[in-house]
Amino acid sequence: MDIVLYTKPEILAHKQGGDGFEEYYWYLSRPPKNFEEGDKVYFATKGFIRGYFVCNDFNPHSGETICWNKNSWKEEKATVPASPFRSFRYKWW
């Protein structure tokens, strides 16, 4: 099941490969129960969903809970509103 993370634009830019790495991680203190490798990790900033990465590694028992490759980024064409929140939410649209 896909999830959504809300963050600042500069953090999203970093996670898109802003520092030259290929793989990026996101730590969640409460891992999603219905999430698995191959699911999408959507990112929202400034009130809208911006796009997603495809998860290539998920370890709910590790400090680096979700991993993706920067090249899996797909920009979201539709304008989906998203209010700021903490942690994660399951995809709602």
Protein backbone atom coordinates (compact mmCIF):
# COMPACT_ATOMS: atom_id res chain seq x y z
CA MET A 1 0.00 0.00 0.00
CA ASP A 2 1.48 3.35 -1.05
CA ILE A 3 2.34 6.00 1.54
CA VAL A 4 2.75 9.77 1.56
CA LEU A 5 5.44 11.75 3.38
CA TYR A 6 5.23 15.52 3.89
CA THR A 7 8.48 17.46 3.98
CA LYS A 8 10.21 20.72 3.11
CA PRO A 9 11.12 21.36 -0.55
CA GLU A 10 14.86 21.32 0.22
CA ILE A 11 14.62 17.89 1.85
CA LEU A 12 12.75 16.55 -1.17
CA ALA A 13 15.47 18.01 -3.44
CA HIS A 14 18.07 16.17 -1.37
CA LYS A 15 16.12 12.89 -1.60
CA GLN A 16 15.94 13.34 -5.38
CA GLY A 17 19.73 13.11 -5.61
CA GLY A 18 20.76 16.63 -4.69
CA ASP A 19 24.02 15.44 -3.15
CA GLY A 20 25.09 12.91 -5.78
CA PHE A 21 24.13 9.63 -4.11
CA GLU A 22 22.01 6.95 -5.83
CA GLU A 23 20.19 5.43 -2.82
CA TYR A 24 18.22 7.34 -0.19
CA TYR A 25 16.56 6.36 3.06
CA TRP A 26 13.70 7.54 5.23
CA TYR A 27 13.37 6.59 8.86
CA LEU A 28 9.92 6.13 10.36
CA SER A 29 9.61 5.54 14.08
CA ARG A 30 6.32 3.74 13.40
CA PRO A 31 6.68 1.71 10.18
CA PRO A 32 3.59 1.29 8.00
CA LYS A 33 2.00 -2.13 8.51
CA ASN A 34 0.62 -2.48 4.99
CA PHE A 35 3.71 -1.30 3.12
CA GLU A 36 6.15 -3.49 1.20
CA GLU A 37 8.95 -3.33 -1.36
CA GLY A 38 7.70 -2.14 -4.73
CA ASP A 39 5.13 0.22 -3.20
CA LYS A 40 5.30 3.94 -3.90
CA VAL A 41 6.57 6.60 -1.50
CA TYR A 42 4.80 9.84 -2.43
CA PHE A 43 6.25 13.16 -1.30
CA ALA A 44 4.25 16.30 -0.58
CA THR A 45 5.60 19.83 -0.13
CA LYS A 46 4.01 23.26 0.01
CA GLY A 47 0.48 21.86 0.10
CA PHE A 48 0.62 19.40 -2.83
CA ILE A 49 1.78 15.91 -3.77
CA ARG A 50 4.87 16.39 -5.96
CA GLY A 51 5.64 12.83 -7.08
CA TYR A 52 6.88 9.46 -5.87
CA PHE A 53 9.76 7.02 -5.61
CA VAL A 54 9.43 3.25 -5.80
CA CYS A 55 10.62 1.52 -2.63
CA ASN A 56 13.40 -1.00 -3.33
CA ASP A 57 14.08 -1.99 0.28
CA PHE A 58 11.82 -1.96 3.32
CA ASN A 59 13.01 -3.01 6.74
CA PRO A 60 10.58 -2.08 9.52
CA HIS A 61 13.13 -3.20 12.15
CA SER A 62 16.00 -0.98 10.95
CA GLY A 63 16.88 2.67 11.50
CA GLU A 64 16.75 3.13 7.71
CA THR A 65 13.19 1.95 7.26
CA ILE A 66 12.49 2.74 3.57
CA CYS A 67 15.03 2.88 0.74
CA TRP A 68 14.68 3.99 -2.89
CA ASN A 69 16.85 4.80 -5.88
CA LYS A 70 16.82 8.45 -6.95
CA ASN A 71 16.20 7.39 -10.56
CA SER A 72 12.80 5.93 -9.66
CA TRP A 73 11.37 9.47 -9.17
CA LYS A 74 8.19 10.17 -11.14
CA GLU A 75 6.67 13.62 -11.00
CA GLU A 76 2.95 13.71 -10.28
CA LYS A 77 1.06 15.42 -13.11
CA ALA A 78 -2.22 15.89 -11.24
CA THR A 79 -2.53 18.58 -8.60
CA VAL A 80 -3.37 16.65 -5.44
CA PRO A 81 -3.69 18.86 -2.34
CA ALA A 82 -2.02 17.73 0.88
CA SER A 83 -2.10 19.51 4.23
CA PRO A 84 1.07 19.31 6.34
CA PHE A 85 1.32 16.29 8.66
CA ARG A 86 3.92 14.31 10.60
CA SER A 87 5.10 10.76 10.00
CA PHE A 88 3.22 9.19 7.05
CA ARG A 89 -0.25 8.64 5.66
CA TYR A 90 -1.55 5.98 3.35
CA LYS A 91 -2.39 7.21 -0.15
CA TRP A 92 -5.91 8.66 -0.01
CA TRP A 93 -6.78 9.61 -3.60
